[in-house]
Amino acid sequence: MSRPEHQAPPEVFYNEGEAKKYLTSSRMVEIQTKLSERCLELLALDSPNESRLLLDIGCGTGLSGDVLSEHGHHWVGLDISESMLGVAVKVRDVQGDLFARDMGDGVGMFRTGVFDGAISVSALQWLCNVDSTGAIEEEVGGNVMESRELNQRGANDEQRVELGGRGTRDRSAVHRLNVFFASLYCVLRKGSRAVFQFYPENADQLELITSAAMRNGFSGGVVVDFPNSAKAKKYYLCLNAGPPDQTGPRNEDVTEPGGGRIHSSKRERPRKKSQLGRAFSTREWIIEKKERQRRVGKTVRSDSKYSGRKRSKKF
């Protein structure tokens, strides 16, 4: 059986007919609900009974959002298919706020650090779909055009597709993954998690997705449920958006249980006048800064015996 992402772009494949299946098929509803509950379980919220603001990526008709609402969480959903979103709003009357957006364009429209976590069910593999499959006519900006056959998937894709009046957009799978994970890292609260249930096509695609996530600051790994079953096997990419922020407020008065007050203040040695306004340039500081840049995936020159040394006077 052909994979959905091989048949058509997501906004074409998930049309009105496909959206209605999520209303009439009890089996599809049951599967989506179980996958959503598993994602929420792997999200490992530190206070499950406390209401959180979560991002549902590829929310579709809102089945995964209903699971979040049942657990008392607020959520925001985004999906590229207007037909799926139409069913969610007009028929199912979901509680979350919905946005029509291609996840390959990123989620940077949200405020930095606004979400306490993110989940995604059966959507992440669509980022590796470059653009479209053969001979599909789509209307873009009032102009009808015929899309070409774009079956290449991977790091070497450099095709660009002209989108009517919206200019040229890079459709490389690597580019889409980088844009998505970089923007997602920004909108997640420090120390929060994101869990993606997805269907990788092969080991290369799995490596492509995980490496893109690590390159943009995330840590974590892949959880496989029922690894010995061909049909029931499920992949979950569990990502951490940095270490949890455990630093508390400084220089504040704390009230004791008995009613007294403790004044805490920061102790530090006053800097010498010669040090004020001067940037540190020691070898240790430079190496530490380069390590931080490497951890977030930046390209940094390798260390050498000349790192941090002053240039001789002849320079």
Protein backbone atom coordinates (compact mmCIF):
# COMPACT_ATOMS: atom_id res chain seq x y z
CA MET A 1 0.00 0.00 0.00
CA SER A 2 1.38 3.40 -1.01
CA ARG A 3 2.22 5.85 1.76
CA PRO A 4 -0.05 8.94 1.91
CA GLU A 5 2.86 11.36 1.48
CA HIS A 6 3.72 9.61 -1.82
CA GLN A 7 0.26 10.22 -3.25
CA ALA A 8 -0.27 13.96 -2.88
CA PRO A 9 0.67 17.01 -0.79
CA PRO A 10 -1.01 17.06 2.63
CA GLU A 11 -3.37 19.91 1.75
CA VAL A 12 -4.54 17.85 -1.26
CA PHE A 13 -4.53 14.39 0.31
CA TYR A 14 -6.53 15.47 3.38
CA ASN A 15 -9.52 16.76 1.45
CA GLU A 16 -13.16 16.81 2.53
CA GLY A 17 -13.60 13.11 1.85
CA GLU A 18 -10.60 12.16 3.94
CA ALA A 19 -11.68 14.52 6.72
CA LYS A 20 -15.11 12.84 6.93
CA LYS A 21 -13.43 9.51 7.64
CA TYR A 22 -12.30 10.91 10.98
CA LEU A 23 -15.99 11.39 11.80
CA THR A 24 -17.46 8.13 10.52
CA SER A 25 -14.67 5.60 11.14
CA SER A 26 -14.68 4.46 14.77
CA ARG A 27 -11.41 2.60 14.17
CA MET A 28 -9.58 5.76 13.06
CA VAL A 29 -10.98 7.68 16.01
CA GLU A 30 -9.85 4.95 18.42
CA ILE A 31 -6.34 4.82 16.96
CA GLN A 32 -5.89 8.60 17.00
CA THR A 33 -7.14 8.78 20.58
CA LYS A 34 -4.74 6.07 21.79
CA LEU A 35 -1.79 7.67 20.03
CA SER A 36 -2.65 11.05 21.55
CA GLU A 37 -2.88 9.59 25.04
CA ARG A 38 0.50 7.92 24.57
CA CYS A 39 2.04 11.22 23.44
CA LEU A 40 0.64 12.96 26.50
CA GLU A 41 2.05 10.20 28.69
CA LEU A 42 5.52 10.56 27.15
CA LEU A 43 5.28 14.33 27.55
CA ALA A 44 5.81 13.62 31.27
CA LEU A 45 4.40 16.86 32.63
CA ASP A 46 5.78 17.49 36.11
CA SER A 47 2.29 18.33 37.43
CA PRO A 48 -0.23 16.31 35.37
CA ASN A 49 -3.22 17.71 37.25
CA GLU A 50 -2.20 21.30 36.56
CA SER A 51 -3.57 22.96 33.45
CA ARG A 52 -0.89 23.67 30.82
CA LEU A 53 -0.79 25.40 27.45
CA LEU A 54 0.22 22.85 24.79
CA LEU A 55 0.83 23.02 21.05
CA ASP A 56 -0.82 20.37 18.84
CA ILE A 57 1.09 20.18 15.55
CA GLY A 58 -0.91 18.64 12.72
CA CYS A 59 -4.07 18.69 14.81
CA GLY A 60 -6.37 17.64 11.94
CA THR A 61 -9.99 17.37 13.04
CA GLY A 62 -9.08 17.92 16.69
CA LEU A 63 -9.14 14.34 17.99
CA SER A 64 -5.79 14.77 19.72
CA GLY A 65 -6.93 18.12 21.06
CA ASP A 66 -9.94 16.47 22.67
CA VAL A 67 -7.58 14.23 24.63
CA LEU A 68 -5.71 17.31 25.87
CA SER A 69 -8.98 18.99 26.84
CA GLU A 70 -10.13 15.89 28.74
CA HIS A 71 -6.98 16.13 30.86
CA GLY A 72 -7.69 19.78 31.65
CA HIS A 73 -5.11 21.38 29.37
CA HIS A 74 -5.47 24.36 27.08
CA TRP A 75 -4.15 23.88 23.56
CA VAL A 76 -3.46 25.56 20.26
CA GLY A 77 -3.59 23.51 17.06
CA LEU A 78 -2.20 24.03 13.60
CA ASP A 79 -2.72 22.08 10.40
CA ILE A 80 -2.16 22.67 6.69
CA SER A 81 -5.49 21.15 5.60
CA GLU A 82 -8.38 23.59 5.65
CA SER A 83 -10.80 20.69 5.15
CA MET A 84 -9.64 19.02 8.36
CA LEU A 85 -9.79 22.30 10.25
CA GLY A 86 -13.26 22.95 8.87
CA VAL A 87 -14.52 19.66 10.34
CA ALA A 88 -12.86 20.52 13.66
CA VAL A 89 -14.58 23.91 13.88
CA LYS A 90 -17.95 23.42 12.20
CA VAL A 91 -18.76 19.81 13.07
CA ARG A 92 -16.80 18.80 16.14
CA ASP A 93 -16.68 22.26 17.79
CA VAL A 94 -13.29 21.72 19.44
CA GLN A 95 -12.14 23.88 22.35
CA GLY A 96 -8.68 24.82 21.09
CA ASP A 97 -7.61 27.74 18.92
CA LEU A 98 -6.77 26.61 15.38
CA PHE A 99 -4.36 27.94 12.75
CA ALA A 100 -4.07 26.97 9.08
CA ARG A 101 -0.32 26.71 8.55
CA ASP A 102 2.33 24.51 6.94
CA MET A 103 4.58 23.18 9.69
CA GLY A 104 7.46 23.38 7.21
CA ASP A 105 7.16 27.18 7.43
CA GLY A 106 7.82 27.04 11.17
CA VAL A 107 5.81 28.07 14.22
CA GLY A 108 7.57 31.37 14.82
CA MET A 109 4.32 33.35 14.87
CA PHE A 110 3.95 32.47 18.56
CA ARG A 111 5.62 34.25 21.46
CA THR A 112 8.96 32.93 22.70
CA GLY A 113 8.62 30.34 25.49
CA VAL A 114 4.81 30.47 25.52
CA PHE A 115 4.10 26.70 25.36
CA ASP A 116 4.61 24.19 28.17
CA GLY A 117 4.93 21.33 25.69
CA ALA A 118 3.99 20.09 22.24
CA ILE A 119 2.57 16.90 20.74
CA SER A 120 2.09 15.71 17.19
CA VAL A 121 0.30 12.63 15.87
CA SER A 122 1.09 11.19 12.42
CA ALA A 123 2.38 14.45 10.95
CA LEU A 124 6.15 14.76 11.30
CA GLN A 125 7.01 12.53 8.32
CA TRP A 126 5.26 15.02 6.00
CA LEU A 127 8.18 17.42 6.50
CA CYS A 128 10.32 15.05 4.43
CA ASN A 129 7.87 15.33 1.54
CA VAL A 130 9.43 17.94 -0.71
CA ASP A 131 6.29 19.41 -2.22
CA SER A 132 3.91 17.37 -4.35
CA THR A 133 3.40 14.34 -6.56
CA GLY A 134 2.57 14.16 -10.24
CA ALA A 135 0.24 16.40 -12.19
CA ILE A 136 -1.81 18.08 -9.47
CA GLU A 137 -3.43 21.38 -10.29
CA GLU A 138 -3.64 23.74 -7.37
CA GLU A 139 -4.78 27.31 -7.10
CA VAL A 140 -2.25 29.66 -5.58
CA GLY A 141 -2.91 33.37 -5.29
CA GLY A 142 -5.61 33.23 -7.98
CA ASN A 143 -3.32 31.51 -10.50
CA VAL A 144 -3.86 27.84 -11.42
CA MET A 145 -0.65 25.98 -12.05
CA GLU A 146 0.40 22.38 -12.65
CA SER A 147 2.84 21.01 -10.09
CA ARG A 148 5.69 18.81 -11.26
CA GLU A 149 6.80 15.37 -10.13
CA LEU A 150 8.97 15.87 -7.02
CA ASN A 151 9.75 12.48 -5.52
CA GLN A 152 13.24 13.24 -4.28
CA ARG A 153 13.50 13.26 -0.49
CA GLY A 154 16.61 13.95 1.53
CA ALA A 155 19.52 16.24 2.16
CA ASN A 156 20.42 16.78 -1.53
CA ASP A 157 17.04 18.25 -2.52
CA GLU A 158 17.42 21.78 -3.79
CA GLN A 159 14.21 22.13 -5.81
CA ARG A 160 12.37 25.41 -5.53
CA VAL A 161 8.72 25.77 -6.47
CA GLU A 162 7.22 28.97 -7.80
CA LEU A 163 4.13 29.82 -5.76
CA GLY A 164 2.19 32.40 -7.75
CA GLY A 165 2.48 35.87 -6.26
CA ARG A 166 4.20 34.64 -3.09
CA GLY A 167 7.63 34.32 -4.71
CA THR A 168 10.04 31.38 -4.58
CA ARG A 169 10.22 29.16 -1.54
CA ASP A 170 12.89 26.60 -0.68
CA ARG A 171 11.25 23.16 -0.55
CA SER A 172 14.28 21.16 0.57
CA ALA A 173 13.40 18.58 3.20
CA VAL A 174 16.44 19.60 5.25
CA HIS A 175 15.44 23.25 5.04
CA ARG A 176 11.88 22.51 6.16
CA LEU A 177 13.09 20.41 9.09
CA ASN A 178 15.55 23.07 10.23
CA VAL A 179 12.98 25.86 10.02
CA PHE A 180 10.44 23.81 11.94
CA PHE A 181 12.69 22.60 14.78
CA ALA A 182 14.45 25.95 15.19
CA SER A 183 11.16 27.82 15.56
CA LEU A 184 9.68 25.12 17.81
CA TYR A 185 12.65 25.35 20.16
CA CYS A 186 12.00 29.08 20.52
CA VAL A 187 8.30 28.85 21.37
CA LEU A 188 8.72 26.08 23.98
CA ARG A 189 9.40 26.92 27.60
CA LYS A 190 12.89 26.06 28.76
CA GLY A 191 12.98 22.49 30.05
CA SER A 192 9.68 21.47 28.40
CA ARG A 193 9.22 18.53 26.05
CA ALA A 194 7.84 17.79 22.62
CA VAL A 195 6.60 14.33 21.60
CA PHE A 196 6.02 13.33 17.97
CA GLN A 197 4.33 10.10 16.92
CA PHE A 198 5.32 9.55 13.32
CA TYR A 199 5.90 6.95 10.62
CA PRO A 200 9.46 7.10 9.24
CA GLU A 201 9.78 5.62 5.79
CA ASN A 202 13.21 4.10 6.45
CA ALA A 203 16.27 4.39 8.66
CA ASP A 204 17.70 7.22 6.57
CA GLN A 205 14.58 9.32 7.05
CA LEU A 206 14.61 8.60 10.78
CA GLU A 207 18.22 9.76 10.97
CA LEU A 208 17.41 12.85 8.90
CA ILE A 209 14.64 13.92 11.29
CA THR A 210 16.47 13.20 14.54
CA SER A 211 19.69 14.88 13.40
CA ALA A 212 17.76 18.01 12.39
CA ALA A 213 16.18 18.16 15.86
CA MET A 214 19.56 17.77 17.62
CA ARG A 215 21.15 20.33 15.34
CA ASN A 216 18.62 22.94 16.46
CA GLY A 217 19.18 22.60 20.20
CA PHE A 218 16.98 19.67 21.23
CA SER A 219 18.11 16.59 23.10
CA GLY A 220 16.30 13.28 23.49
CA GLY A 221 15.70 10.17 21.43
CA VAL A 222 13.25 7.77 19.83
CA VAL A 223 10.88 5.50 21.78
CA VAL A 224 9.54 2.45 19.92
CA ASP A 225 6.38 0.72 21.13
CA PHE A 226 5.88 -2.93 20.13
CA PRO A 227 9.26 -3.14 18.32
CA ASN A 228 8.76 -6.80 17.34
CA SER A 229 5.40 -6.23 15.64
CA ALA A 230 5.28 -5.19 12.00
CA LYS A 231 1.78 -3.67 12.24
CA ALA A 232 1.62 -2.39 15.81
CA LYS A 233 5.10 -0.81 15.90
CA LYS A 234 4.92 2.90 16.71
CA TYR A 235 7.72 5.49 16.72
CA TYR A 236 7.79 8.43 19.14
CA LEU A 237 10.40 11.17 18.95
CA CYS A 238 10.76 12.61 22.45
CA LEU A 239 12.64 15.92 22.59
CA ASN A 240 13.77 18.12 25.47
CA ALA A 241 13.99 21.87 24.94
CA GLY A 242 17.03 22.40 27.12
CA PRO A 243 17.47 21.76 30.85
CA PRO A 244 14.70 22.84 33.23
CA ASP A 245 15.00 26.34 34.59
CA GLN A 246 15.35 25.85 38.34
CA THR A 247 16.84 29.21 39.21
CA GLY A 248 14.67 31.14 41.62
CA PRO A 249 14.40 34.88 42.22
CA ARG A 250 17.36 36.60 43.83
CA ASN A 251 17.62 39.31 46.46
CA GLU A 252 14.10 38.76 47.75
CA ASP A 253 12.69 38.64 51.26
CA VAL A 254 11.40 35.18 52.20
CA THR A 255 8.75 34.72 54.90
CA GLU A 256 9.40 32.00 57.49
CA PRO A 257 6.58 29.70 58.67
CA GLY A 258 6.72 31.41 62.05
CA GLY A 259 6.10 34.83 60.61
CA GLY A 260 9.68 36.12 60.57
CA ARG A 261 11.46 37.31 57.48
CA ILE A 262 14.80 36.28 56.04
CA HIS A 263 16.59 38.70 53.78
CA SER A 264 18.73 37.02 51.14
CA SER A 265 21.25 38.91 49.11
CA LYS A 266 23.82 38.02 46.53
CA ARG A 267 27.40 38.03 47.73
CA GLU A 268 30.05 38.79 45.20
CA ARG A 269 33.50 40.28 45.28
CA PRO A 270 33.57 43.81 43.86
CA ARG A 271 35.41 43.97 40.59
CA LYS A 272 38.52 46.03 40.28
CA LYS A 273 38.34 49.27 38.41
CA SER A 274 40.63 47.90 35.72
CA GLN A 275 38.20 45.03 35.09
CA LEU A 276 35.07 47.12 34.65
CA GLY A 277 33.83 47.18 31.09
CA ARG A 278 36.49 44.76 29.90
CA ALA A 279 35.47 41.53 28.17
CA PHE A 280 37.07 38.29 29.31
CA SER A 281 39.28 36.75 26.66
CA THR A 282 40.98 33.87 28.43
CA ARG A 283 41.50 30.52 26.73
CA GLU A 284 39.03 28.79 29.08
CA TRP A 285 36.28 31.27 28.32
CA ILE A 286 36.82 30.96 24.55
CA ILE A 287 36.76 27.16 24.65
CA GLU A 288 33.62 27.17 26.79
CA LYS A 289 31.89 29.54 24.38
CA LYS A 290 32.84 27.34 21.41
CA GLU A 291 31.44 24.28 23.22
CA ARG A 292 28.11 26.05 23.76
CA GLN A 293 27.96 26.87 20.07
CA ARG A 294 28.70 23.26 19.12
CA ARG A 295 25.91 21.99 21.38
CA VAL A 296 23.34 24.03 19.47
CA GLY A 297 24.63 22.75 16.13
CA LYS A 298 26.69 25.72 14.95
CA THR A 299 29.79 25.22 12.83
CA VAL A 300 32.82 26.13 14.95
CA ARG A 301 36.52 25.92 14.17
CA SER A 302 38.39 23.20 16.01
CA ASP A 303 40.52 24.06 19.05
CA SER A 304 44.28 24.34 18.70
CA LYS A 305 47.28 25.42 20.73
CA TYR A 306 46.77 28.94 19.35
CA SER A 307 43.21 29.26 20.66
CA GLY A 308 42.99 32.21 23.07
CA ARG A 309 46.54 33.35 22.50
CA LYS A 310 47.39 36.96 21.91
CA ARG A 311 48.86 37.84 18.58
CA SER A 312 52.49 38.82 18.51
CA LYS A 313 53.43 42.47 18.10
CA LYS A 314 54.31 42.03 14.44
CA PHE A 315 50.61 41.57 13.63
